[in-house]
Amino acid sequence: MKDNKHLLFSYGTLQLEKVQIENYGHLLKGEKDSLLNYKLDKLEITMK
């Protein structure tokens, strides 16, 4: 028998229950995760 399990990484609006129901017809089961050694930073882009 084939495994019907699908892995999905989501962020932003895909984490909202309303969006999940509208797109998939049900709430997704999952768990929070993190990216090791990942740093979120801001970068200013300037034009010369």
PDB file of N, CA and C in Angstrom:
ATOM      1  N   MET A   1       0.849  -1.182   0.000  1.00  0.00           N
ATOM      2  CA  MET A   1       0.000   0.000   0.000  1.00  0.00           C
ATOM      3  C   MET A   1       0.895   1.245   0.000  1.00  0.00           C
ATOM      4  N   LYS A   2       0.539   2.231  -0.785  1.00  0.00           N
ATOM      5  CA  LYS A   2       1.309   3.467  -0.864  1.00  0.00           C
ATOM      6  C   LYS A   2       1.049   4.357   0.350  1.00  0.00           C
ATOM      7  N   ASP A   3       2.088   5.072   0.763  1.00  0.00           N
ATOM      8  CA  ASP A   3       1.951   6.039   1.852  1.00  0.00           C
ATOM      9  C   ASP A   3       1.416   7.335   1.271  1.00  0.00           C
ATOM     10  N   ASN A   4       0.252   7.784   1.711  1.00  0.00           N
ATOM     11  CA  ASN A   4      -0.362   9.010   1.203  1.00  0.00           C
ATOM     12  C   ASN A   4       0.039  10.229   2.003  1.00  0.00           C
ATOM     13  N   LYS A   5       1.142  10.152   2.717  1.00  0.00           N
ATOM     14  CA  LYS A   5       1.617  11.256   3.536  1.00  0.00           C
ATOM     15  C   LYS A   5       2.357  12.257   2.662  1.00  0.00           C
ATOM     16  N   HIS A   6       2.026  13.535   2.815  1.00  0.00           N
ATOM     17  CA  HIS A   6       2.686  14.603   2.079  1.00  0.00           C
ATOM     18  C   HIS A   6       3.296  15.577   3.072  1.00  0.00           C
ATOM     19  N   LEU A   7       4.537  15.945   2.848  1.00  0.00           N
ATOM     20  CA  LEU A   7       5.204  16.911   3.711  1.00  0.00           C
ATOM     21  C   LEU A   7       5.020  18.304   3.138  1.00  0.00           C
ATOM     22  N   LEU A   8       4.725  19.269   3.998  1.00  0.00           N
ATOM     23  CA  LEU A   8       4.497  20.644   3.573  1.00  0.00           C
ATOM     24  C   LEU A   8       5.132  21.581   4.574  1.00  0.00           C
ATOM     25  N   PHE A   9       5.962  22.482   4.087  1.00  0.00           N
ATOM     26  CA  PHE A   9       6.498  23.543   4.929  1.00  0.00           C
ATOM     27  C   PHE A   9       5.696  24.784   4.603  1.00  0.00           C
ATOM     28  N   SER A  10       5.106  25.403   5.606  1.00  0.00           N
ATOM     29  CA  SER A  10       4.311  26.606   5.345  1.00  0.00           C
ATOM     30  C   SER A  10       4.701  27.730   6.283  1.00  0.00           C
ATOM     31  N   TYR A  11       4.480  28.898   5.813  1.00  0.00           N
ATOM     32  CA  TYR A  11       4.691  30.093   6.611  1.00  0.00           C
ATOM     33  C   TYR A  11       3.687  31.139   6.138  1.00  0.00           C
ATOM     34  N   GLY A  12       3.605  32.220   6.854  1.00  0.00           N
ATOM     35  CA  GLY A  12       2.693  33.286   6.438  1.00  0.00           C
ATOM     36  C   GLY A  12       1.249  32.855   6.490  1.00  0.00           C
ATOM     37  N   THR A  13       0.500  33.191   5.436  1.00  0.00           N
ATOM     38  CA  THR A  13      -0.947  32.970   5.449  1.00  0.00           C
ATOM     39  C   THR A  13      -1.340  31.501   5.458  1.00  0.00           C
ATOM     40  N   LEU A  14      -0.470  30.597   5.008  1.00  0.00           N
ATOM     41  CA  LEU A  14      -0.824  29.172   5.036  1.00  0.00           C
ATOM     42  C   LEU A  14      -0.937  28.629   6.450  1.00  0.00           C
ATOM     43  N   GLN A  15      -0.500  29.389   7.436  1.00  0.00           N
ATOM     44  CA  GLN A  15      -0.637  28.959   8.821  1.00  0.00           C
ATOM     45  C   GLN A  15      -2.003  29.343   9.400  1.00  0.00           C
ATOM     46  N   LEU A  16      -2.739  30.180   8.693  1.00  0.00           N
ATOM     47  CA  LEU A  16      -4.053  30.614   9.183  1.00  0.00           C
ATOM     48  C   LEU A  16      -5.095  29.528   8.956  1.00  0.00           C
ATOM     49  N   GLU A  17      -5.889  29.225   9.990  1.00  0.00           N
ATOM     50  CA  GLU A  17      -6.891  28.170   9.894  1.00  0.00           C
ATOM     51  C   GLU A  17      -7.869  28.426   8.749  1.00  0.00           C
ATOM     52  N   LYS A  18      -8.325  29.656   8.601  1.00  0.00           N
ATOM     53  CA  LYS A  18      -9.285  30.002   7.542  1.00  0.00           C
ATOM     54  C   LYS A  18      -8.695  29.706   6.160  1.00  0.00           C
ATOM     55  N   VAL A  19      -7.443  30.020   5.954  1.00  0.00           N
ATOM     56  CA  VAL A  19      -6.792  29.784   4.665  1.00  0.00           C
ATOM     57  C   VAL A  19      -6.640  28.287   4.408  1.00  0.00           C
ATOM     58  N   GLN A  20      -6.291  27.527   5.428  1.00  0.00           N
ATOM     59  CA  GLN A  20      -6.165  26.074   5.278  1.00  0.00           C
ATOM     60  C   GLN A  20      -7.502  25.454   4.873  1.00  0.00           C
ATOM     61  N   ILE A  21      -8.564  25.857   5.539  1.00  0.00           N
ATOM     62  CA  ILE A  21      -9.893  25.314   5.231  1.00  0.00           C
ATOM     63  C   ILE A  21     -10.311  25.686   3.815  1.00  0.00           C
ATOM     64  N   GLU A  22     -10.073  26.943   3.408  1.00  0.00           N
ATOM     65  CA  GLU A  22     -10.451  27.380   2.066  1.00  0.00           C
ATOM     66  C   GLU A  22      -9.648  26.664   0.981  1.00  0.00           C
ATOM     67  N   ASN A  23      -8.390  26.352   1.243  1.00  0.00           N
ATOM     68  CA  ASN A  23      -7.533  25.731   0.230  1.00  0.00           C
ATOM     69  C   ASN A  23      -7.571  24.205   0.244  1.00  0.00           C
ATOM     70  N   TYR A  24      -7.652  23.608   1.426  1.00  0.00           N
ATOM     71  CA  TYR A  24      -7.543  22.155   1.551  1.00  0.00           C
ATOM     72  C   TYR A  24      -8.829  21.487   2.038  1.00  0.00           C
ATOM     73  N   GLY A  25      -9.776  22.286   2.491  1.00  0.00           N
ATOM     74  CA  GLY A  25     -11.039  21.724   2.974  1.00  0.00           C
ATOM     75  C   GLY A  25     -10.990  21.197   4.387  1.00  0.00           C
ATOM     76  N   HIS A  26      -9.856  21.360   5.063  1.00  0.00           N
ATOM     77  CA  HIS A  26      -9.709  20.908   6.455  1.00  0.00           C
ATOM     78  C   HIS A  26      -8.461  21.561   7.041  1.00  0.00           C
ATOM     79  N   LEU A  27      -8.332  21.463   8.363  1.00  0.00           N
ATOM     80  CA  LEU A  27      -7.133  21.968   9.025  1.00  0.00           C
ATOM     81  C   LEU A  27      -5.997  20.974   8.851  1.00  0.00           C
ATOM     82  N   LEU A  28      -4.815  21.475   8.650  1.00  0.00           N
ATOM     83  CA  LEU A  28      -3.641  20.621   8.486  1.00  0.00           C
ATOM     84  C   LEU A  28      -3.083  20.229   9.848  1.00  0.00           C
ATOM     85  N   LYS A  29      -2.580  19.017   9.948  1.00  0.00           N
ATOM     86  CA  LYS A  29      -1.925  18.554  11.167  1.00  0.00           C
ATOM     87  C   LYS A  29      -0.438  18.802  11.005  1.00  0.00           C
ATOM     88  N   GLY A  30       0.183  19.343  12.010  1.00  0.00           N
ATOM     89  CA  GLY A  30       1.606  19.603  11.896  1.00  0.00           C
ATOM     90  C   GLY A  30       2.210  20.007  13.213  1.00  0.00           C
ATOM     91  N   GLU A  31       3.452  20.360  13.153  1.00  0.00           N
ATOM     92  CA  GLU A  31       4.169  20.800  14.343  1.00  0.00           C
ATOM     93  C   GLU A  31       5.125  21.916  13.954  1.00  0.00           C
ATOM     94  N   LYS A  32       5.419  22.772  14.889  1.00  0.00           N
ATOM     95  CA  LYS A  32       6.345  23.868  14.642  1.00  0.00           C
ATOM     96  C   LYS A  32       7.749  23.318  14.496  1.00  0.00           C
ATOM     97  N   ASP A  33       8.517  23.984  13.671  1.00  0.00           N
ATOM     98  CA  ASP A  33       9.886  23.569  13.431  1.00  0.00           C
ATOM     99  C   ASP A  33      10.746  24.821  13.346  1.00  0.00           C
ATOM    100  N   SER A  34      12.031  24.642  13.206  1.00  0.00           N
ATOM    101  CA  SER A  34      12.932  25.787  13.091  1.00  0.00           C
ATOM    102  C   SER A  34      14.092  25.423  12.177  1.00  0.00           C
ATOM    103  N   LEU A  35      14.740  26.427  11.650  1.00  0.00           N
ATOM    104  CA  LEU A  35      15.917  26.225  10.815  1.00  0.00           C
ATOM    105  C   LEU A  35      17.142  26.525  11.663  1.00  0.00           C
ATOM    106  N   LEU A  36      17.971  25.520  11.866  1.00  0.00           N
ATOM    107  CA  LEU A  36      19.177  25.706  12.665  1.00  0.00           C
ATOM    108  C   LEU A  36      20.173  26.598  11.927  1.00  0.00           C
ATOM    109  N   ASN A  37      20.867  27.425  12.673  1.00  0.00           N
ATOM    110  CA  ASN A  37      21.894  28.328  12.133  1.00  0.00           C
ATOM    111  C   ASN A  37      21.340  29.310  11.105  1.00  0.00           C
ATOM    112  N   TYR A  38      20.061  29.624  11.189  1.00  0.00           N
ATOM    113  CA  TYR A  38      19.442  30.577  10.275  1.00  0.00           C
ATOM    114  C   TYR A  38      19.291  31.901  11.002  1.00  0.00           C
ATOM    115  N   LYS A  39      19.659  32.974  10.343  1.00  0.00           N
ATOM    116  CA  LYS A  39      19.578  34.299  10.944  1.00  0.00           C
ATOM    117  C   LYS A  39      18.717  35.191  10.065  1.00  0.00           C
ATOM    118  N   LEU A  40      17.714  35.812  10.646  1.00  0.00           N
ATOM    119  CA  LEU A  40      16.874  36.753   9.942  1.00  0.00           C
ATOM    120  C   LEU A  40      17.451  38.137  10.118  1.00  0.00           C
ATOM    121  N   ASP A  41      17.641  38.842   9.034  1.00  0.00           N
ATOM    122  CA  ASP A  41      18.273  40.157   9.090  1.00  0.00           C
ATOM    123  C   ASP A  41      17.667  41.050   8.030  1.00  0.00           C
ATOM    124  N   LYS A  42      17.914  42.321   8.123  1.00  0.00           N
ATOM    125  CA  LYS A  42      17.444  43.290   7.140  1.00  0.00           C
ATOM    126  C   LYS A  42      18.623  43.831   6.368  1.00  0.00           C
ATOM    127  N   LEU A  43      18.391  44.126   5.105  1.00  0.00           N
ATOM    128  CA  LEU A  43      19.425  44.661   4.242  1.00  0.00           C
ATOM    129  C   LEU A  43      18.857  45.853   3.505  1.00  0.00           C
ATOM    130  N   GLU A  44      19.538  46.978   3.573  1.00  0.00           N
ATOM    131  CA  GLU A  44      19.094  48.177   2.865  1.00  0.00           C
ATOM    132  C   GLU A  44      19.752  48.186   1.489  1.00  0.00           C
ATOM    133  N   ILE A  45      18.936  48.296   0.465  1.00  0.00           N
ATOM    134  CA  ILE A  45      19.457  48.359  -0.909  1.00  0.00           C
ATOM    135  C   ILE A  45      19.431  49.810  -1.353  1.00  0.00           C
ATOM    136  N   THR A  46      20.562  50.291  -1.746  1.00  0.00           N
ATOM    137  CA  THR A  46      20.657  51.684  -2.202  1.00  0.00           C
ATOM    138  C   THR A  46      21.103  51.728  -3.657  1.00  0.00           C
ATOM    139  N   MET A  47      20.654  52.740  -4.363  1.00  0.00           N
ATOM    140  CA  MET A  47      21.021  52.929  -5.767  1.00  0.00           C
ATOM    141  C   MET A  47      22.102  54.010  -5.829  1.00  0.00           C
ATOM    142  N   LYS A  48      23.112  53.794  -6.635  1.00  0.00           N
ATOM    143  CA  LYS A  48      24.173  54.797  -6.803  1.00  0.00           C
ATOM    144  C   LYS A  48      24.017  55.525  -8.096  1.00  0.00           C
TER     145      LYS A  48
END
